[in-house]
Amino acid sequence: MDKHYIYIVKCKDGSLYTGYAKDVNKRISKHNSGHGAKYTKIRRPVQLVYQEVFDTKSEALKREYEIKTFSRQKKLELIKEG
């Protein structure tokens, strides 16, 4: 059964980016090669600071959306707890 992940990376400028992937390591490599999201392309390198795993894509995307609505402070707390 495939796993689905949401992740948070810390960008070179200190900002945080939240995303979805089926293979987090491959996705981080894409971000760092400049072929990931537009947002991270100019903020490389990125460093993985948090991830969660889900059984379904739907669950993962719902959680990704939820985290994207968090304030920066709340994301930092999530990372610290994680």
Protein backbone atom coordinates (compact mmCIF):
# COMPACT_ATOMS: atom_id res chain seq x y z
CA MET A 1 0.00 0.00 0.00
CA ASP A 2 1.34 3.42 -0.98
CA LYS A 3 2.00 5.98 1.70
CA HIS A 4 1.31 9.68 1.31
CA TYR A 5 3.26 12.40 3.08
CA ILE A 6 2.99 16.03 3.94
CA TYR A 7 6.19 17.82 4.78
CA ILE A 8 7.55 21.18 5.83
CA VAL A 9 10.90 22.46 4.62
CA LYS A 10 12.87 25.40 5.88
CA CYS A 11 14.17 27.52 3.03
CA LYS A 12 17.50 29.33 2.85
CA ASP A 13 15.77 32.62 3.70
CA GLY A 14 14.21 31.07 6.83
CA SER A 15 10.71 30.80 5.39
CA LEU A 16 8.69 27.60 5.62
CA TYR A 17 7.09 25.69 2.76
CA THR A 18 4.48 22.93 3.19
CA GLY A 19 3.90 20.31 0.52
CA TYR A 20 2.64 16.85 -0.38
CA ALA A 21 4.63 13.93 -1.77
CA LYS A 22 4.60 10.16 -2.16
CA ASP A 23 8.40 10.11 -1.78
CA VAL A 24 9.64 12.90 0.48
CA ASN A 25 13.36 12.41 -0.18
CA LYS A 26 12.83 12.53 -3.94
CA ARG A 27 10.67 15.65 -3.56
CA ILE A 28 13.29 17.42 -1.42
CA SER A 29 15.89 16.62 -4.07
CA LYS A 30 13.59 18.15 -6.70
CA HIS A 31 13.21 21.30 -4.61
CA ASN A 32 16.97 21.58 -4.17
CA SER A 33 17.65 21.03 -7.87
CA GLY A 34 15.32 23.92 -8.76
CA HIS A 35 12.63 21.68 -10.25
CA GLY A 36 10.23 21.72 -7.30
CA ALA A 37 7.75 24.47 -6.52
CA LYS A 38 8.20 28.02 -7.80
CA TYR A 39 8.34 29.20 -4.21
CA THR A 40 11.35 27.08 -3.30
CA LYS A 41 13.16 27.57 -6.61
CA ILE A 42 14.57 30.93 -5.52
CA ARG A 43 14.94 29.96 -1.86
CA ARG A 44 17.29 26.97 -2.19
CA PRO A 45 18.61 25.00 -0.54
CA VAL A 46 15.72 23.68 1.51
CA GLN A 47 15.95 21.43 4.55
CA LEU A 48 13.30 18.95 5.66
CA VAL A 49 12.14 19.88 9.16
CA TYR A 50 8.84 18.00 9.54
CA GLN A 51 6.76 15.24 7.97
CA GLU A 52 3.62 13.20 8.58
CA VAL A 53 2.51 9.99 6.87
CA PHE A 54 -1.01 9.00 5.77
CA ASP A 55 -2.64 5.96 4.21
CA THR A 56 -4.63 7.95 1.66
CA LYS A 57 -3.92 10.90 -0.57
CA SER A 58 -7.15 12.53 0.55
CA GLU A 59 -6.11 12.51 4.21
CA ALA A 60 -2.69 13.91 3.34
CA LEU A 61 -4.07 16.72 1.19
CA LYS A 62 -6.58 17.70 3.87
CA ARG A 63 -3.77 17.90 6.41
CA GLU A 64 -1.57 19.85 3.99
CA TYR A 65 -4.34 22.40 3.54
CA GLU A 66 -4.85 22.62 7.30
CA ILE A 67 -1.14 23.24 7.95
CA LYS A 68 -1.00 25.86 5.19
CA THR A 69 -3.62 27.84 7.13
CA PHE A 70 -1.44 27.86 10.27
CA SER A 71 0.46 30.94 11.32
CA ARG A 72 4.24 30.78 11.16
CA GLN A 73 4.34 30.47 14.96
CA LYS A 74 1.94 27.54 14.95
CA LYS A 75 4.02 25.80 12.25
CA LEU A 76 7.16 26.31 14.34
CA GLU A 77 5.40 24.77 17.34
CA LEU A 78 4.32 21.80 15.21
CA ILE A 79 7.90 21.32 14.04
CA LYS A 80 9.21 21.54 17.61
CA GLU A 81 6.68 18.97 18.84
CA GLY A 82 7.21 16.73 15.83
